Amino acid sequence: DSDNQETKVVTVGQFRIGLCHGHQLVPWGDFQVIEMLRRKLNVDIMITGNTHKLETYEREGIYYINPGSITGAFTPLEPNVTPSFVLLDVQQAVVTIYIYKLINDEVKVEKTQYKKT
């Protein structure tokens, strides 16, 4: 039943993107657990969440994203959360990642690119 899926894979441009909330990955936010899921899904970009902690990084040709929490909601593991979200601009084999953070009531934007090899 597609309404109850734990994961989703979408193709945008030349990228396979894996999506997973992350509450079911234990321990939460653990790279090895996320990487096992990424391999199972066979994706170029892996997006997970649940920790409310913003993380974006490339490792061994794969891009990993945790967009954080758009409201800055705290968690028992992270009481001081910076509100954040991530926007992907996919153009064939290149994705531009815009990282938005709310710091001292001011929106800060960072930009990085990931190219499929």
C-alpha atoms as a PDB file:
ATOM      1  CA  ASP A   1       0.000   0.000   0.000  1.00  0.00           C
ATOM      2  CA  SER A   2       1.697   3.201  -1.196  1.00  0.00           C
ATOM      3  CA  ASP A   3       0.018   5.287   1.545  1.00  0.00           C
ATOM      4  CA  ASN A   4       2.022   3.449   4.207  1.00  0.00           C
ATOM      5  CA  GLN A   5       5.468   3.341   2.599  1.00  0.00           C
ATOM      6  CA  GLU A   6       8.456   3.798   4.908  1.00  0.00           C
ATOM      7  CA  THR A   7      10.641   4.966   2.003  1.00  0.00           C
ATOM      8  CA  LYS A   8      10.217   6.480  -1.443  1.00  0.00           C
ATOM      9  CA  VAL A   9      12.552   6.721  -4.437  1.00  0.00           C
ATOM     10  CA  VAL A  10      12.023   9.440  -7.030  1.00  0.00           C
ATOM     11  CA  THR A  11      13.996  10.204 -10.170  1.00  0.00           C
ATOM     12  CA  VAL A  12      14.650  13.853 -10.952  1.00  0.00           C
ATOM     13  CA  GLY A  13      16.930  14.650 -13.886  1.00  0.00           C
ATOM     14  CA  GLN A  14      19.652  11.987 -13.783  1.00  0.00           C
ATOM     15  CA  PHE A  15      19.425  11.504 -10.006  1.00  0.00           C
ATOM     16  CA  ARG A  16      17.737   8.753  -8.024  1.00  0.00           C
ATOM     17  CA  ILE A  17      16.708  10.353  -4.735  1.00  0.00           C
ATOM     18  CA  GLY A  18      15.826   8.290  -1.667  1.00  0.00           C
ATOM     19  CA  LEU A  19      13.404   9.688   0.913  1.00  0.00           C
ATOM     20  CA  CYS A  20      12.870   8.409   4.443  1.00  0.00           C
ATOM     21  CA  HIS A  21      11.583  10.219   7.543  1.00  0.00           C
ATOM     22  CA  GLY A  22      14.229   8.478   9.653  1.00  0.00           C
ATOM     23  CA  HIS A  23      12.347   7.554  12.828  1.00  0.00           C
ATOM     24  CA  GLN A  24      12.664   3.899  11.846  1.00  0.00           C
ATOM     25  CA  LEU A  25      16.469   4.087  11.449  1.00  0.00           C
ATOM     26  CA  VAL A  26      18.137   3.131  14.732  1.00  0.00           C
ATOM     27  CA  PRO A  27      20.196   4.747  16.017  1.00  0.00           C
ATOM     28  CA  TRP A  28      18.661   7.946  14.620  1.00  0.00           C
ATOM     29  CA  GLY A  29      20.935   9.834  12.227  1.00  0.00           C
ATOM     30  CA  ASP A  30      23.639   7.145  12.288  1.00  0.00           C
ATOM     31  CA  PHE A  31      25.639   7.212   9.046  1.00  0.00           C
ATOM     32  CA  GLN A  32      26.116   3.435   8.824  1.00  0.00           C
ATOM     33  CA  VAL A  33      22.380   2.793   9.198  1.00  0.00           C
ATOM     34  CA  ILE A  34      21.540   5.513   6.646  1.00  0.00           C
ATOM     35  CA  GLU A  35      24.150   4.096   4.256  1.00  0.00           C
ATOM     36  CA  MET A  36      22.675   0.586   4.528  1.00  0.00           C
ATOM     37  CA  LEU A  37      19.275   1.991   3.527  1.00  0.00           C
ATOM     38  CA  ARG A  38      20.852   4.047   0.733  1.00  0.00           C
ATOM     39  CA  ARG A  39      22.479   0.929  -0.700  1.00  0.00           C
ATOM     40  CA  LYS A  40      19.205  -0.977  -0.499  1.00  0.00           C
ATOM     41  CA  LEU A  41      17.410   1.836  -2.362  1.00  0.00           C
ATOM     42  CA  ASN A  42      20.329   2.267  -4.822  1.00  0.00           C
ATOM     43  CA  VAL A  43      20.145   6.082  -4.845  1.00  0.00           C
ATOM     44  CA  ASP A  44      22.532   8.965  -5.636  1.00  0.00           C
ATOM     45  CA  ILE A  45      21.054  11.310  -3.019  1.00  0.00           C
ATOM     46  CA  MET A  46      19.712  10.119   0.346  1.00  0.00           C
ATOM     47  CA  ILE A  47      17.373  12.416   2.286  1.00  0.00           C
ATOM     48  CA  THR A  48      16.461  11.513   5.860  1.00  0.00           C
ATOM     49  CA  GLY A  49      15.260  13.433   8.883  1.00  0.00           C
ATOM     50  CA  ASN A  50      13.803  12.892  12.344  1.00  0.00           C
ATOM     51  CA  THR A  51      16.831  14.258  14.231  1.00  0.00           C
ATOM     52  CA  HIS A  52      15.928  17.917  13.473  1.00  0.00           C
ATOM     53  CA  LYS A  53      19.670  18.445  12.885  1.00  0.00           C
ATOM     54  CA  LEU A  54      20.670  20.011   9.556  1.00  0.00           C
ATOM     55  CA  GLU A  55      23.333  18.017   7.721  1.00  0.00           C
ATOM     56  CA  THR A  56      24.405  18.072   4.072  1.00  0.00           C
ATOM     57  CA  TYR A  57      27.526  16.309   2.867  1.00  0.00           C
ATOM     58  CA  GLU A  58      29.036  14.241   0.077  1.00  0.00           C
ATOM     59  CA  ARG A  59      30.739  10.970   0.876  1.00  0.00           C
ATOM     60  CA  GLU A  60      32.231   8.560  -1.653  1.00  0.00           C
ATOM     61  CA  GLY A  61      30.256  10.070  -4.535  1.00  0.00           C
ATOM     62  CA  ILE A  62      26.890  10.034  -2.729  1.00  0.00           C
ATOM     63  CA  TYR A  63      25.120  13.108  -1.318  1.00  0.00           C
ATOM     64  CA  TYR A  64      23.366  12.921   2.059  1.00  0.00           C
ATOM     65  CA  ILE A  65      20.814  15.446   3.304  1.00  0.00           C
ATOM     66  CA  ASN A  66      18.987  15.955   6.564  1.00  0.00           C
ATOM     67  CA  PRO A  67      17.034  19.213   6.130  1.00  0.00           C
ATOM     68  CA  GLY A  68      16.683  19.760   9.885  1.00  0.00           C
ATOM     69  CA  SER A  69      13.493  21.323  11.247  1.00  0.00           C
ATOM     70  CA  ILE A  70      11.806  24.244   9.501  1.00  0.00           C
ATOM     71  CA  THR A  71      10.312  25.412  12.823  1.00  0.00           C
ATOM     72  CA  GLY A  72      13.365  24.711  14.966  1.00  0.00           C
ATOM     73  CA  ALA A  73      11.402  22.236  17.079  1.00  0.00           C
ATOM     74  CA  PHE A  74      13.552  20.777  19.837  1.00  0.00           C
ATOM     75  CA  THR A  75      14.067  17.083  20.471  1.00  0.00           C
ATOM     76  CA  PRO A  76      15.236  15.292  23.620  1.00  0.00           C
ATOM     77  CA  LEU A  77      18.589  14.779  21.876  1.00  0.00           C
ATOM     78  CA  GLU A  78      18.908  18.320  20.483  1.00  0.00           C
ATOM     79  CA  PRO A  79      17.276  21.068  22.599  1.00  0.00           C
ATOM     80  CA  ASN A  80      18.806  23.991  20.620  1.00  0.00           C
ATOM     81  CA  VAL A  81      17.728  23.487  17.016  1.00  0.00           C
ATOM     82  CA  THR A  82      18.364  26.100  14.318  1.00  0.00           C
ATOM     83  CA  PRO A  83      15.322  26.359  12.011  1.00  0.00           C
ATOM     84  CA  SER A  84      16.355  25.144   8.550  1.00  0.00           C
ATOM     85  CA  PHE A  85      15.275  23.641   5.260  1.00  0.00           C
ATOM     86  CA  VAL A  86      16.926  22.587   2.008  1.00  0.00           C
ATOM     87  CA  LEU A  87      15.920  23.327  -1.592  1.00  0.00           C
ATOM     88  CA  LEU A  88      17.244  21.224  -4.481  1.00  0.00           C
ATOM     89  CA  ASP A  89      17.549  22.646  -8.001  1.00  0.00           C
ATOM     90  CA  VAL A  90      18.154  19.627 -10.253  1.00  0.00           C
ATOM     91  CA  GLN A  91      19.385  20.217 -13.805  1.00  0.00           C
ATOM     92  CA  GLN A  92      20.127  16.844 -15.473  1.00  0.00           C
ATOM     93  CA  ALA A  93      23.442  15.663 -13.871  1.00  0.00           C
ATOM     94  CA  VAL A  94      23.957  18.668 -11.558  1.00  0.00           C
ATOM     95  CA  VAL A  95      22.040  19.540  -8.411  1.00  0.00           C
ATOM     96  CA  THR A  96      22.416  22.882  -6.663  1.00  0.00           C
ATOM     97  CA  ILE A  97      21.628  22.617  -2.971  1.00  0.00           C
ATOM     98  CA  TYR A  98      20.340  25.757  -1.233  1.00  0.00           C
ATOM     99  CA  ILE A  99      20.524  25.549   2.558  1.00  0.00           C
ATOM    100  CA  TYR A 100      18.303  28.007   4.440  1.00  0.00           C
ATOM    101  CA  LYS A 101      18.849  28.724   8.154  1.00  0.00           C
ATOM    102  CA  LEU A 102      17.145  31.181  10.487  1.00  0.00           C
ATOM    103  CA  ILE A 103      19.842  32.675  12.721  1.00  0.00           C
ATOM    104  CA  ASN A 104      18.976  35.559  15.073  1.00  0.00           C
ATOM    105  CA  ASP A 105      15.786  36.276  13.088  1.00  0.00           C
ATOM    106  CA  GLU A 106      17.790  36.587   9.867  1.00  0.00           C
ATOM    107  CA  VAL A 107      17.614  34.086   6.998  1.00  0.00           C
ATOM    108  CA  LYS A 108      21.045  32.858   5.928  1.00  0.00           C
ATOM    109  CA  VAL A 109      21.428  30.977   2.644  1.00  0.00           C
ATOM    110  CA  GLU A 110      24.317  28.729   1.667  1.00  0.00           C
ATOM    111  CA  LYS A 111      24.742  27.109  -1.724  1.00  0.00           C
ATOM    112  CA  THR A 112      26.670  24.061  -2.855  1.00  0.00           C
ATOM    113  CA  GLN A 113      26.652  21.812  -5.924  1.00  0.00           C
ATOM    114  CA  TYR A 114      26.770  18.084  -6.426  1.00  0.00           C
ATOM    115  CA  LYS A 115      27.567  16.572  -9.819  1.00  0.00           C
ATOM    116  CA  LYS A 116      26.760  13.014 -10.732  1.00  0.00           C
ATOM    117  CA  THR A 117      29.860  11.106 -11.747  1.00  0.00           C
END
